[in-house]
Amino acid sequence: SIEASSLRAGAEGGLLTPGLTNGALLAVVLAGAWNHLLPGVPAGAAAIIGAGAFLAASMQMPLTAVVLIVEFTHANHDLLFPLMLAVGGSVAMYHGIP
């Protein structure tokens, strides 16, 4: 028989939704501040990218974060490169790589 502990994916339960929410909220606030200087940053795109970056760094699963964000939002391919760039930057900053 397979034990329940062997089926764990490594992520702690109950952290997915708060991680997405915190990342999206922080990104929308920063996009609002950025739009005062240089208008043109869509808040929705910033929320999606921020949610993915925060989730990748907080749970240490960058590829999973990208796949989850793309699957959850059905984002088109135009958003994939900025999302991957933000995820890479957030994970690098988490590890202290400048």
PDB file of N, CA and C in Angstrom:
ATOM      1  N   SER A   1       0.831  -1.175   0.000  1.00  0.00           N
ATOM      2  CA  SER A   1       0.000   0.000   0.000  1.00  0.00           C
ATOM      3  C   SER A   1       0.882   1.247   0.000  1.00  0.00           C
ATOM      4  N   ILE A   2       0.392   2.283  -0.609  1.00  0.00           N
ATOM      5  CA  ILE A   2       1.135   3.541  -0.710  1.00  0.00           C
ATOM      6  C   ILE A   2       0.756   4.411   0.479  1.00  0.00           C
ATOM      7  N   GLU A   3       1.756   4.864   1.185  1.00  0.00           N
ATOM      8  CA  GLU A   3       1.486   5.729   2.322  1.00  0.00           C
ATOM      9  C   GLU A   3       1.136   7.132   1.849  1.00  0.00           C
ATOM     10  N   ALA A   4       0.349   7.834   2.638  1.00  0.00           N
ATOM     11  CA  ALA A   4      -0.075   9.185   2.268  1.00  0.00           C
ATOM     12  C   ALA A   4       1.101  10.151   2.237  1.00  0.00           C
ATOM     13  N   SER A   5       2.098   9.923   3.069  1.00  0.00           N
ATOM     14  CA  SER A   5       3.236  10.840   3.096  1.00  0.00           C
ATOM     15  C   SER A   5       4.077  10.742   1.828  1.00  0.00           C
ATOM     16  N   SER A   6       4.015   9.625   1.131  1.00  0.00           N
ATOM     17  CA  SER A   6       4.794   9.495  -0.102  1.00  0.00           C
ATOM     18  C   SER A   6       4.119  10.182  -1.279  1.00  0.00           C
ATOM     19  N   LEU A   7       2.885  10.613  -1.112  1.00  0.00           N
ATOM     20  CA  LEU A   7       2.152  11.277  -2.192  1.00  0.00           C
ATOM     21  C   LEU A   7       2.256  12.790  -2.132  1.00  0.00           C
ATOM     22  N   ARG A   8       2.973  13.318  -1.158  1.00  0.00           N
ATOM     23  CA  ARG A   8       3.093  14.763  -1.013  1.00  0.00           C
ATOM     24  C   ARG A   8       3.944  15.345  -2.123  1.00  0.00           C
ATOM     25  N   ALA A   9       3.588  16.526  -2.548  1.00  0.00           N
ATOM     26  CA  ALA A   9       4.331  17.204  -3.608  1.00  0.00           C
ATOM     27  C   ALA A   9       5.433  18.095  -3.053  1.00  0.00           C
ATOM     28  N   GLY A  10       5.480  18.298  -1.758  1.00  0.00           N
ATOM     29  CA  GLY A  10       6.503  19.140  -1.166  1.00  0.00           C
ATOM     30  C   GLY A  10       6.006  20.520  -0.780  1.00  0.00           C
ATOM     31  N   ALA A  11       4.850  20.917  -1.256  1.00  0.00           N
ATOM     32  CA  ALA A  11       4.298  22.228  -0.921  1.00  0.00           C
ATOM     33  C   ALA A  11       3.375  22.093   0.287  1.00  0.00           C
ATOM     34  N   GLU A  12       3.421  23.080   1.139  1.00  0.00           N
ATOM     35  CA  GLU A  12       2.568  23.069   2.312  1.00  0.00           C
ATOM     36  C   GLU A  12       1.181  23.552   1.924  1.00  0.00           C
ATOM     37  N   GLY A  13       0.181  22.901   2.446  1.00  0.00           N
ATOM     38  CA  GLY A  13      -1.194  23.245   2.111  1.00  0.00           C
ATOM     39  C   GLY A  13      -1.588  24.612   2.636  1.00  0.00           C
ATOM     40  N   GLY A  14      -2.422  25.292   1.914  1.00  0.00           N
ATOM     41  CA  GLY A  14      -2.921  26.589   2.345  1.00  0.00           C
ATOM     42  C   GLY A  14      -2.023  27.760   2.028  1.00  0.00           C
ATOM     43  N   LEU A  15      -0.982  27.569   1.252  1.00  0.00           N
ATOM     44  CA  LEU A  15      -0.084  28.672   0.915  1.00  0.00           C
ATOM     45  C   LEU A  15      -0.248  29.158  -0.520  1.00  0.00           C
ATOM     46  N   LEU A  16      -0.954  28.413  -1.336  1.00  0.00           N
ATOM     47  CA  LEU A  16      -1.087  28.782  -2.745  1.00  0.00           C
ATOM     48  C   LEU A  16      -1.906  30.062  -2.906  1.00  0.00           C
ATOM     49  N   THR A  17      -3.106  30.078  -2.374  1.00  0.00           N
ATOM     50  CA  THR A  17      -3.977  31.240  -2.544  1.00  0.00           C
ATOM     51  C   THR A  17      -3.431  32.493  -1.867  1.00  0.00           C
ATOM     52  N   PRO A  18      -2.939  32.417  -0.619  1.00  0.00           N
ATOM     53  CA  PRO A  18      -2.354  33.644  -0.036  1.00  0.00           C
ATOM     54  C   PRO A  18      -1.119  34.134  -0.799  1.00  0.00           C
ATOM     55  N   GLY A  19      -0.318  33.210  -1.311  1.00  0.00           N
ATOM     56  CA  GLY A  19       0.854  33.622  -2.088  1.00  0.00           C
ATOM     57  C   GLY A  19       0.461  34.339  -3.363  1.00  0.00           C
ATOM     58  N   LEU A  20      -0.523  33.804  -4.059  1.00  0.00           N
ATOM     59  CA  LEU A  20      -1.011  34.467  -5.276  1.00  0.00           C
ATOM     60  C   LEU A  20      -1.617  35.826  -4.962  1.00  0.00           C
ATOM     61  N   THR A  21      -2.386  35.893  -3.882  1.00  0.00           N
ATOM     62  CA  THR A  21      -3.041  37.148  -3.509  1.00  0.00           C
ATOM     63  C   THR A  21      -2.035  38.218  -3.106  1.00  0.00           C
ATOM     64  N   ASN A  22      -1.065  37.844  -2.281  1.00  0.00           N
ATOM     65  CA  ASN A  22      -0.060  38.824  -1.850  1.00  0.00           C
ATOM     66  C   ASN A  22       0.762  39.330  -3.031  1.00  0.00           C
ATOM     67  N   GLY A  23       1.161  38.430  -3.915  1.00  0.00           N
ATOM     68  CA  GLY A  23       1.933  38.843  -5.080  1.00  0.00           C
ATOM     69  C   GLY A  23       1.147  39.750  -6.013  1.00  0.00           C
ATOM     70  N   ALA A  24      -0.115  39.410  -6.237  1.00  0.00           N
ATOM     71  CA  ALA A  24      -0.951  40.225  -7.117  1.00  0.00           C
ATOM     72  C   ALA A  24      -1.207  41.600  -6.503  1.00  0.00           C
ATOM     73  N   LEU A  25      -1.468  41.631  -5.210  1.00  0.00           N
ATOM     74  CA  LEU A  25      -1.731  42.907  -4.546  1.00  0.00           C
ATOM     75  C   LEU A  25      -0.506  43.810  -4.566  1.00  0.00           C
ATOM     76  N   LEU A  26       0.648  43.257  -4.253  1.00  0.00           N
ATOM     77  CA  LEU A  26       1.879  44.042  -4.279  1.00  0.00           C
ATOM     78  C   LEU A  26       2.164  44.574  -5.686  1.00  0.00           C
ATOM     79  N   ALA A  27       1.948  43.738  -6.689  1.00  0.00           N
ATOM     80  CA  ALA A  27       2.205  44.159  -8.069  1.00  0.00           C
ATOM     81  C   ALA A  27       1.235  45.247  -8.522  1.00  0.00           C
ATOM     82  N   VAL A  28      -0.014  45.165  -8.125  1.00  0.00           N
ATOM     83  CA  VAL A  28      -0.987  46.194  -8.512  1.00  0.00           C
ATOM     84  C   VAL A  28      -0.645  47.530  -7.845  1.00  0.00           C
ATOM     85  N   VAL A  29      -0.215  47.483  -6.591  1.00  0.00           N
ATOM     86  CA  VAL A  29       0.183  48.713  -5.901  1.00  0.00           C
ATOM     87  C   VAL A  29       1.408  49.328  -6.581  1.00  0.00           C
ATOM     88  N   LEU A  30       2.391  48.493  -6.897  1.00  0.00           N
ATOM     89  CA  LEU A  30       3.587  49.001  -7.572  1.00  0.00           C
ATOM     90  C   LEU A  30       3.273  49.504  -8.979  1.00  0.00           C
ATOM     91  N   ALA A  31       2.361  48.832  -9.689  1.00  0.00           N
ATOM     92  CA  ALA A  31       1.966  49.299 -11.021  1.00  0.00           C
ATOM     93  C   ALA A  31       1.243  50.640 -10.937  1.00  0.00           C
ATOM     94  N   GLY A  32       0.431  50.821  -9.893  1.00  0.00           N
ATOM     95  CA  GLY A  32      -0.244  52.101  -9.700  1.00  0.00           C
ATOM     96  C   GLY A  32       0.743  53.229  -9.449  1.00  0.00           C
ATOM     97  N   ALA A  33       1.766  52.935  -8.651  1.00  0.00           N
ATOM     98  CA  ALA A  33       2.799  53.941  -8.398  1.00  0.00           C
ATOM     99  C   ALA A  33       3.604  54.222  -9.658  1.00  0.00           C
ATOM    100  N   TRP A  34       3.912  53.173 -10.407  1.00  0.00           N
ATOM    101  CA  TRP A  34       4.668  53.336 -11.647  1.00  0.00           C
ATOM    102  C   TRP A  34       3.866  54.149 -12.665  1.00  0.00           C
ATOM    103  N   ASN A  35       2.545  53.945 -12.703  1.00  0.00           N
ATOM    104  CA  ASN A  35       1.698  54.650 -13.667  1.00  0.00           C
ATOM    105  C   ASN A  35       1.622  56.145 -13.393  1.00  0.00           C
ATOM    106  N   HIS A  36       1.964  56.573 -12.187  1.00  0.00           N
ATOM    107  CA  HIS A  36       2.015  58.015 -11.927  1.00  0.00           C
ATOM    108  C   HIS A  36       3.204  58.651 -12.639  1.00  0.00           C
ATOM    109  N   LEU A  37       4.277  57.900 -12.803  1.00  0.00           N
ATOM    110  CA  LEU A  37       5.467  58.413 -13.490  1.00  0.00           C
ATOM    111  C   LEU A  37       5.398  58.168 -14.992  1.00  0.00           C
ATOM    112  N   LEU A  38       5.154  56.938 -15.377  1.00  0.00           N
ATOM    113  CA  LEU A  38       5.075  56.548 -16.788  1.00  0.00           C
ATOM    114  C   LEU A  38       3.817  55.726 -17.018  1.00  0.00           C
ATOM    115  N   PRO A  39       2.739  56.362 -17.454  1.00  0.00           N
ATOM    116  CA  PRO A  39       1.477  55.640 -17.640  1.00  0.00           C
ATOM    117  C   PRO A  39       1.591  54.560 -18.722  1.00  0.00           C
ATOM    118  N   GLY A  40       0.789  53.539 -18.582  1.00  0.00           N
ATOM    119  CA  GLY A  40       0.725  52.512 -19.607  1.00  0.00           C
ATOM    120  C   GLY A  40       0.910  51.093 -19.104  1.00  0.00           C
ATOM    121  N   VAL A  41       1.126  50.920 -17.804  1.00  0.00           N
ATOM    122  CA  VAL A  41       1.273  49.570 -17.264  1.00  0.00           C
ATOM    123  C   VAL A  41      -0.114  49.055 -16.887  1.00  0.00           C
ATOM    124  N   PRO A  42      -0.605  48.009 -17.573  1.00  0.00           N
ATOM    125  CA  PRO A  42      -1.932  47.470 -17.223  1.00  0.00           C
ATOM    126  C   PRO A  42      -1.896  46.778 -15.865  1.00  0.00           C
ATOM    127  N   ALA A  43      -2.835  47.127 -15.012  1.00  0.00           N
ATOM    128  CA  ALA A  43      -2.861  46.568 -13.656  1.00  0.00           C
ATOM    129  C   ALA A  43      -3.122  45.070 -13.675  1.00  0.00           C
ATOM    130  N   GLY A  44      -3.927  44.586 -14.603  1.00  0.00           N
ATOM    131  CA  GLY A  44      -4.208  43.155 -14.681  1.00  0.00           C
ATOM    132  C   GLY A  44      -2.982  42.338 -15.031  1.00  0.00           C
ATOM    133  N   ALA A  45      -2.215  42.814 -15.985  1.00  0.00           N
ATOM    134  CA  ALA A  45      -0.988  42.111 -16.363  1.00  0.00           C
ATOM    135  C   ALA A  45       0.019  42.140 -15.226  1.00  0.00           C
ATOM    136  N   ALA A  46       0.104  43.268 -14.531  1.00  0.00           N
ATOM    137  CA  ALA A  46       1.013  43.367 -13.392  1.00  0.00           C
ATOM    138  C   ALA A  46       0.601  42.399 -12.290  1.00  0.00           C
ATOM    139  N   ALA A  47      -0.701  42.247 -12.073  1.00  0.00           N
ATOM    140  CA  ALA A  47      -1.188  41.325 -11.043  1.00  0.00           C
ATOM    141  C   ALA A  47      -0.820  39.888 -11.374  1.00  0.00           C
ATOM    142  N   ILE A  48      -0.960  39.499 -12.615  1.00  0.00           N
ATOM    143  CA  ILE A  48      -0.628  38.130 -13.020  1.00  0.00           C
ATOM    144  C   ILE A  48       0.865  37.878 -12.872  1.00  0.00           C
ATOM    145  N   ILE A  49       1.669  38.820 -13.330  1.00  0.00           N
ATOM    146  CA  ILE A  49       3.123  38.658 -13.251  1.00  0.00           C
ATOM    147  C   ILE A  49       3.595  38.682 -11.797  1.00  0.00           C
ATOM    148  N   GLY A  50       3.051  39.573 -10.999  1.00  0.00           N
ATOM    149  CA  GLY A  50       3.426  39.646  -9.592  1.00  0.00           C
ATOM    150  C   GLY A  50       3.028  38.406  -8.815  1.00  0.00           C
ATOM    151  N   ALA A  51       1.864  37.869  -9.115  1.00  0.00           N
ATOM    152  CA  ALA A  51       1.421  36.641  -8.444  1.00  0.00           C
ATOM    153  C   ALA A  51       2.366  35.489  -8.757  1.00  0.00           C
ATOM    154  N   GLY A  52       2.766  35.378  -9.995  1.00  0.00           N
ATOM    155  CA  GLY A  52       3.688  34.307 -10.372  1.00  0.00           C
ATOM    156  C   GLY A  52       5.054  34.471  -9.745  1.00  0.00           C
ATOM    157  N   ALA A  53       5.562  35.693  -9.707  1.00  0.00           N
ATOM    158  CA  ALA A  53       6.883  35.943  -9.129  1.00  0.00           C
ATOM    159  C   ALA A  53       6.879  35.674  -7.631  1.00  0.00           C
ATOM    160  N   PHE A  54       5.845  36.115  -6.950  1.00  0.00           N
ATOM    161  CA  PHE A  54       5.765  35.904  -5.502  1.00  0.00           C
ATOM    162  C   PHE A  54       5.620  34.424  -5.182  1.00  0.00           C
ATOM    163  N   LEU A  55       4.797  33.737  -5.930  1.00  0.00           N
ATOM    164  CA  LEU A  55       4.592  32.309  -5.702  1.00  0.00           C
ATOM    165  C   LEU A  55       5.874  31.527  -5.950  1.00  0.00           C
ATOM    166  N   ALA A  56       6.598  31.870  -6.989  1.00  0.00           N
ATOM    167  CA  ALA A  56       7.841  31.163  -7.316  1.00  0.00           C
ATOM    168  C   ALA A  56       8.876  31.320  -6.222  1.00  0.00           C
ATOM    169  N   ALA A  57       9.023  32.527  -5.693  1.00  0.00           N
ATOM    170  CA  ALA A  57      10.036  32.767  -4.666  1.00  0.00           C
ATOM    171  C   ALA A  57       9.598  32.225  -3.310  1.00  0.00           C
ATOM    172  N   SER A  58       8.344  32.376  -2.975  1.00  0.00           N
ATOM    173  CA  SER A  58       7.905  31.970  -1.641  1.00  0.00           C
ATOM    174  C   SER A  58       7.847  30.459  -1.481  1.00  0.00           C
ATOM    175  N   MET A  59       7.516  29.750  -2.530  1.00  0.00           N
ATOM    176  CA  MET A  59       7.418  28.289  -2.432  1.00  0.00           C
ATOM    177  C   MET A  59       8.599  27.572  -3.065  1.00  0.00           C
ATOM    178  N   GLN A  60       9.537  28.320  -3.647  1.00  0.00           N
ATOM    179  CA  GLN A  60      10.725  27.767  -4.283  1.00  0.00           C
ATOM    180  C   GLN A  60      10.381  26.752  -5.375  1.00  0.00           C
ATOM    181  N   MET A  61       9.411  27.112  -6.201  1.00  0.00           N
ATOM    182  CA  MET A  61       8.996  26.265  -7.319  1.00  0.00           C
ATOM    183  C   MET A  61       8.758  27.134  -8.548  1.00  0.00           C
ATOM    184  N   PRO A  62       9.824  27.610  -9.213  1.00  0.00           N
ATOM    185  CA  PRO A  62       9.629  28.553 -10.312  1.00  0.00           C
ATOM    186  C   PRO A  62       8.902  27.964 -11.515  1.00  0.00           C
ATOM    187  N   LEU A  63       9.240  26.765 -11.936  1.00  0.00           N
ATOM    188  CA  LEU A  63       8.562  26.183 -13.099  1.00  0.00           C
ATOM    189  C   LEU A  63       7.101  25.882 -12.800  1.00  0.00           C
ATOM    190  N   THR A  64       6.850  25.391 -11.610  1.00  0.00           N
ATOM    191  CA  THR A  64       5.467  25.119 -11.215  1.00  0.00           C
ATOM    192  C   THR A  64       4.667  26.415 -11.161  1.00  0.00           C
ATOM    193  N   ALA A  65       5.266  27.477 -10.685  1.00  0.00           N
ATOM    194  CA  ALA A  65       4.561  28.761 -10.610  1.00  0.00           C
ATOM    195  C   ALA A  65       4.186  29.256 -11.999  1.00  0.00           C
ATOM    196  N   VAL A  66       5.106  29.142 -12.949  1.00  0.00           N
ATOM    197  CA  VAL A  66       4.806  29.587 -14.322  1.00  0.00           C
ATOM    198  C   VAL A  66       3.672  28.760 -14.902  1.00  0.00           C
ATOM    199  N   VAL A  67       3.737  27.455 -14.735  1.00  0.00           N
ATOM    200  CA  VAL A  67       2.687  26.586 -15.287  1.00  0.00           C
ATOM    201  C   VAL A  67       1.347  26.865 -14.613  1.00  0.00           C
ATOM    202  N   LEU A  68       1.343  27.035 -13.298  1.00  0.00           N
ATOM    203  CA  LEU A  68       0.084  27.316 -12.600  1.00  0.00           C
ATOM    204  C   LEU A  68      -0.523  28.637 -13.048  1.00  0.00           C
ATOM    205  N   ILE A  69       0.289  29.668 -13.170  1.00  0.00           N
ATOM    206  CA  ILE A  69      -0.235  30.975 -13.582  1.00  0.00           C
ATOM    207  C   ILE A  69      -0.812  30.899 -14.993  1.00  0.00           C
ATOM    208  N   VAL A  70      -0.106  30.239 -15.899  1.00  0.00           N
ATOM    209  CA  VAL A  70      -0.601  30.133 -17.276  1.00  0.00           C
ATOM    210  C   VAL A  70      -1.889  29.318 -17.317  1.00  0.00           C
ATOM    211  N   GLU A  71      -1.951  28.249 -16.532  1.00  0.00           N
ATOM    212  CA  GLU A  71      -3.153  27.421 -16.519  1.00  0.00           C
ATOM    213  C   GLU A  71      -4.326  28.118 -15.837  1.00  0.00           C
ATOM    214  N   PHE A  72      -4.062  28.822 -14.736  1.00  0.00           N
ATOM    215  CA  PHE A  72      -5.138  29.501 -14.019  1.00  0.00           C
ATOM    216  C   PHE A  72      -5.729  30.655 -14.821  1.00  0.00           C
ATOM    217  N   THR A  73      -4.893  31.394 -15.523  1.00  0.00           N
ATOM    218  CA  THR A  73      -5.351  32.621 -16.171  1.00  0.00           C
ATOM    219  C   THR A  73      -5.605  32.476 -17.663  1.00  0.00           C
ATOM    220  N   HIS A  74      -5.134  31.390 -18.267  1.00  0.00           N
ATOM    221  CA  HIS A  74      -5.214  31.210 -19.725  1.00  0.00           C
ATOM    222  C   HIS A  74      -4.605  32.409 -20.441  1.00  0.00           C
ATOM    223  N   ALA A  75      -3.493  32.901 -19.891  1.00  0.00           N
ATOM    224  CA  ALA A  75      -2.806  34.059 -20.461  1.00  0.00           C
ATOM    225  C   ALA A  75      -2.230  33.699 -21.825  1.00  0.00           C
ATOM    226  N   ASN A  76      -2.194  34.673 -22.703  1.00  0.00           N
ATOM    227  CA  ASN A  76      -1.634  34.415 -24.025  1.00  0.00           C
ATOM    228  C   ASN A  76      -0.108  34.440 -23.958  1.00  0.00           C
ATOM    229  N   HIS A  77       0.529  34.155 -25.058  1.00  0.00           N
ATOM    230  CA  HIS A  77       1.974  34.016 -25.088  1.00  0.00           C
ATOM    231  C   HIS A  77       2.705  35.347 -24.925  1.00  0.00           C
ATOM    232  N   ASP A  78       2.021  36.464 -25.113  1.00  0.00           N
ATOM    233  CA  ASP A  78       2.657  37.767 -24.931  1.00  0.00           C
ATOM    234  C   ASP A  78       3.050  38.007 -23.477  1.00  0.00           C
ATOM    235  N   LEU A  79       2.372  37.363 -22.559  1.00  0.00           N
ATOM    236  CA  LEU A  79       2.638  37.560 -21.142  1.00  0.00           C
ATOM    237  C   LEU A  79       3.651  36.546 -20.607  1.00  0.00           C
ATOM    238  N   LEU A  80       3.987  35.546 -21.383  1.00  0.00           N
ATOM    239  CA  LEU A  80       4.863  34.476 -20.913  1.00  0.00           C
ATOM    240  C   LEU A  80       6.295  34.961 -20.658  1.00  0.00           C
ATOM    241  N   PHE A  81       6.848  35.756 -21.556  1.00  0.00           N
ATOM    242  CA  PHE A  81       8.224  36.229 -21.366  1.00  0.00           C
ATOM    243  C   PHE A  81       8.353  37.145 -20.147  1.00  0.00           C
ATOM    244  N   PRO A  82       7.483  38.148 -19.974  1.00  0.00           N
ATOM    245  CA  PRO A  82       7.595  38.963 -18.751  1.00  0.00           C
ATOM    246  C   PRO A  82       7.377  38.144 -17.473  1.00  0.00           C
ATOM    247  N   LEU A  83       6.498  37.148 -17.542  1.00  0.00           N
ATOM    248  CA  LEU A  83       6.267  36.292 -16.380  1.00  0.00           C
ATOM    249  C   LEU A  83       7.517  35.492 -16.038  1.00  0.00           C
ATOM    250  N   MET A  84       8.146  34.899 -17.042  1.00  0.00           N
ATOM    251  CA  MET A  84       9.348  34.116 -16.792  1.00  0.00           C
ATOM    252  C   MET A  84      10.502  35.003 -16.320  1.00  0.00           C
ATOM    253  N   LEU A  85      10.602  36.208 -16.836  1.00  0.00           N
ATOM    254  CA  LEU A  85      11.632  37.143 -16.402  1.00  0.00           C
ATOM    255  C   LEU A  85      11.423  37.544 -14.941  1.00  0.00           C
ATOM    256  N   ALA A  86      10.179  37.817 -14.564  1.00  0.00           N
ATOM    257  CA  ALA A  86       9.878  38.185 -13.181  1.00  0.00           C
ATOM    258  C   ALA A  86      10.101  37.009 -12.230  1.00  0.00           C
ATOM    259  N   VAL A  87       9.732  35.818 -12.656  1.00  0.00           N
ATOM    260  CA  VAL A  87       9.944  34.630 -11.829  1.00  0.00           C
ATOM    261  C   VAL A  87      11.437  34.396 -11.623  1.00  0.00           C
ATOM    262  N   GLY A  88      12.205  34.502 -12.685  1.00  0.00           N
ATOM    263  CA  GLY A  88      13.653  34.333 -12.567  1.00  0.00           C
ATOM    264  C   GLY A  88      14.278  35.378 -11.655  1.00  0.00           C
ATOM    265  N   GLY A  89      13.843  36.598 -11.789  1.00  0.00           N
ATOM    266  CA  GLY A  89      14.365  37.668 -10.928  1.00  0.00           C
ATOM    267  C   GLY A  89      13.986  37.493  -9.471  1.00  0.00           C
ATOM    268  N   SER A  90      12.768  37.057  -9.222  1.00  0.00           N
ATOM    269  CA  SER A  90      12.344  36.887  -7.828  1.00  0.00           C
ATOM    270  C   SER A  90      13.071  35.724  -7.164  1.00  0.00           C
ATOM    271  N   VAL A  91      13.274  34.653  -7.882  1.00  0.00           N
ATOM    272  CA  VAL A  91      14.004  33.516  -7.316  1.00  0.00           C
ATOM    273  C   VAL A  91      15.472  33.885  -7.099  1.00  0.00           C
ATOM    274  N   ALA A  92      16.051  34.633  -8.024  1.00  0.00           N
ATOM    275  CA  ALA A  92      17.444  35.073  -7.864  1.00  0.00           C
ATOM    276  C   ALA A  92      17.584  35.986  -6.653  1.00  0.00           C
ATOM    277  N   MET A  93      16.655  36.896  -6.476  1.00  0.00           N
ATOM    278  CA  MET A  93      16.718  37.786  -5.324  1.00  0.00           C
ATOM    279  C   MET A  93      16.482  37.016  -4.031  1.00  0.00           C
ATOM    280  N   TYR A  94      15.655  36.004  -4.060  1.00  0.00           N
ATOM    281  CA  TYR A  94      15.416  35.192  -2.866  1.00  0.00           C
ATOM    282  C   TYR A  94      16.711  34.506  -2.432  1.00  0.00           C
ATOM    283  N   HIS A  95      17.494  34.056  -3.390  1.00  0.00           N
ATOM    284  CA  HIS A  95      18.742  33.373  -3.090  1.00  0.00           C
ATOM    285  C   HIS A  95      19.897  34.348  -2.893  1.00  0.00           C
ATOM    286  N   GLY A  96      19.667  35.646  -3.066  1.00  0.00           N
ATOM    287  CA  GLY A  96      20.699  36.646  -2.831  1.00  0.00           C
ATOM    288  C   GLY A  96      21.644  36.852  -3.992  1.00  0.00           C
ATOM    289  N   ILE A  97      21.229  36.451  -5.188  1.00  0.00           N
ATOM    290  CA  ILE A  97      22.060  36.651  -6.378  1.00  0.00           C
ATOM    291  C   ILE A  97      21.675  37.999  -6.982  1.00  0.00           C
ATOM    292  N   PRO A  98      22.601  38.937  -7.070  1.00  0.00           N
ATOM    293  CA  PRO A  98      22.254  40.256  -7.628  1.00  0.00           C
ATOM    294  C   PRO A  98      22.047  40.230  -9.120  1.00  0.00           C
TER     295      PRO A  98
END
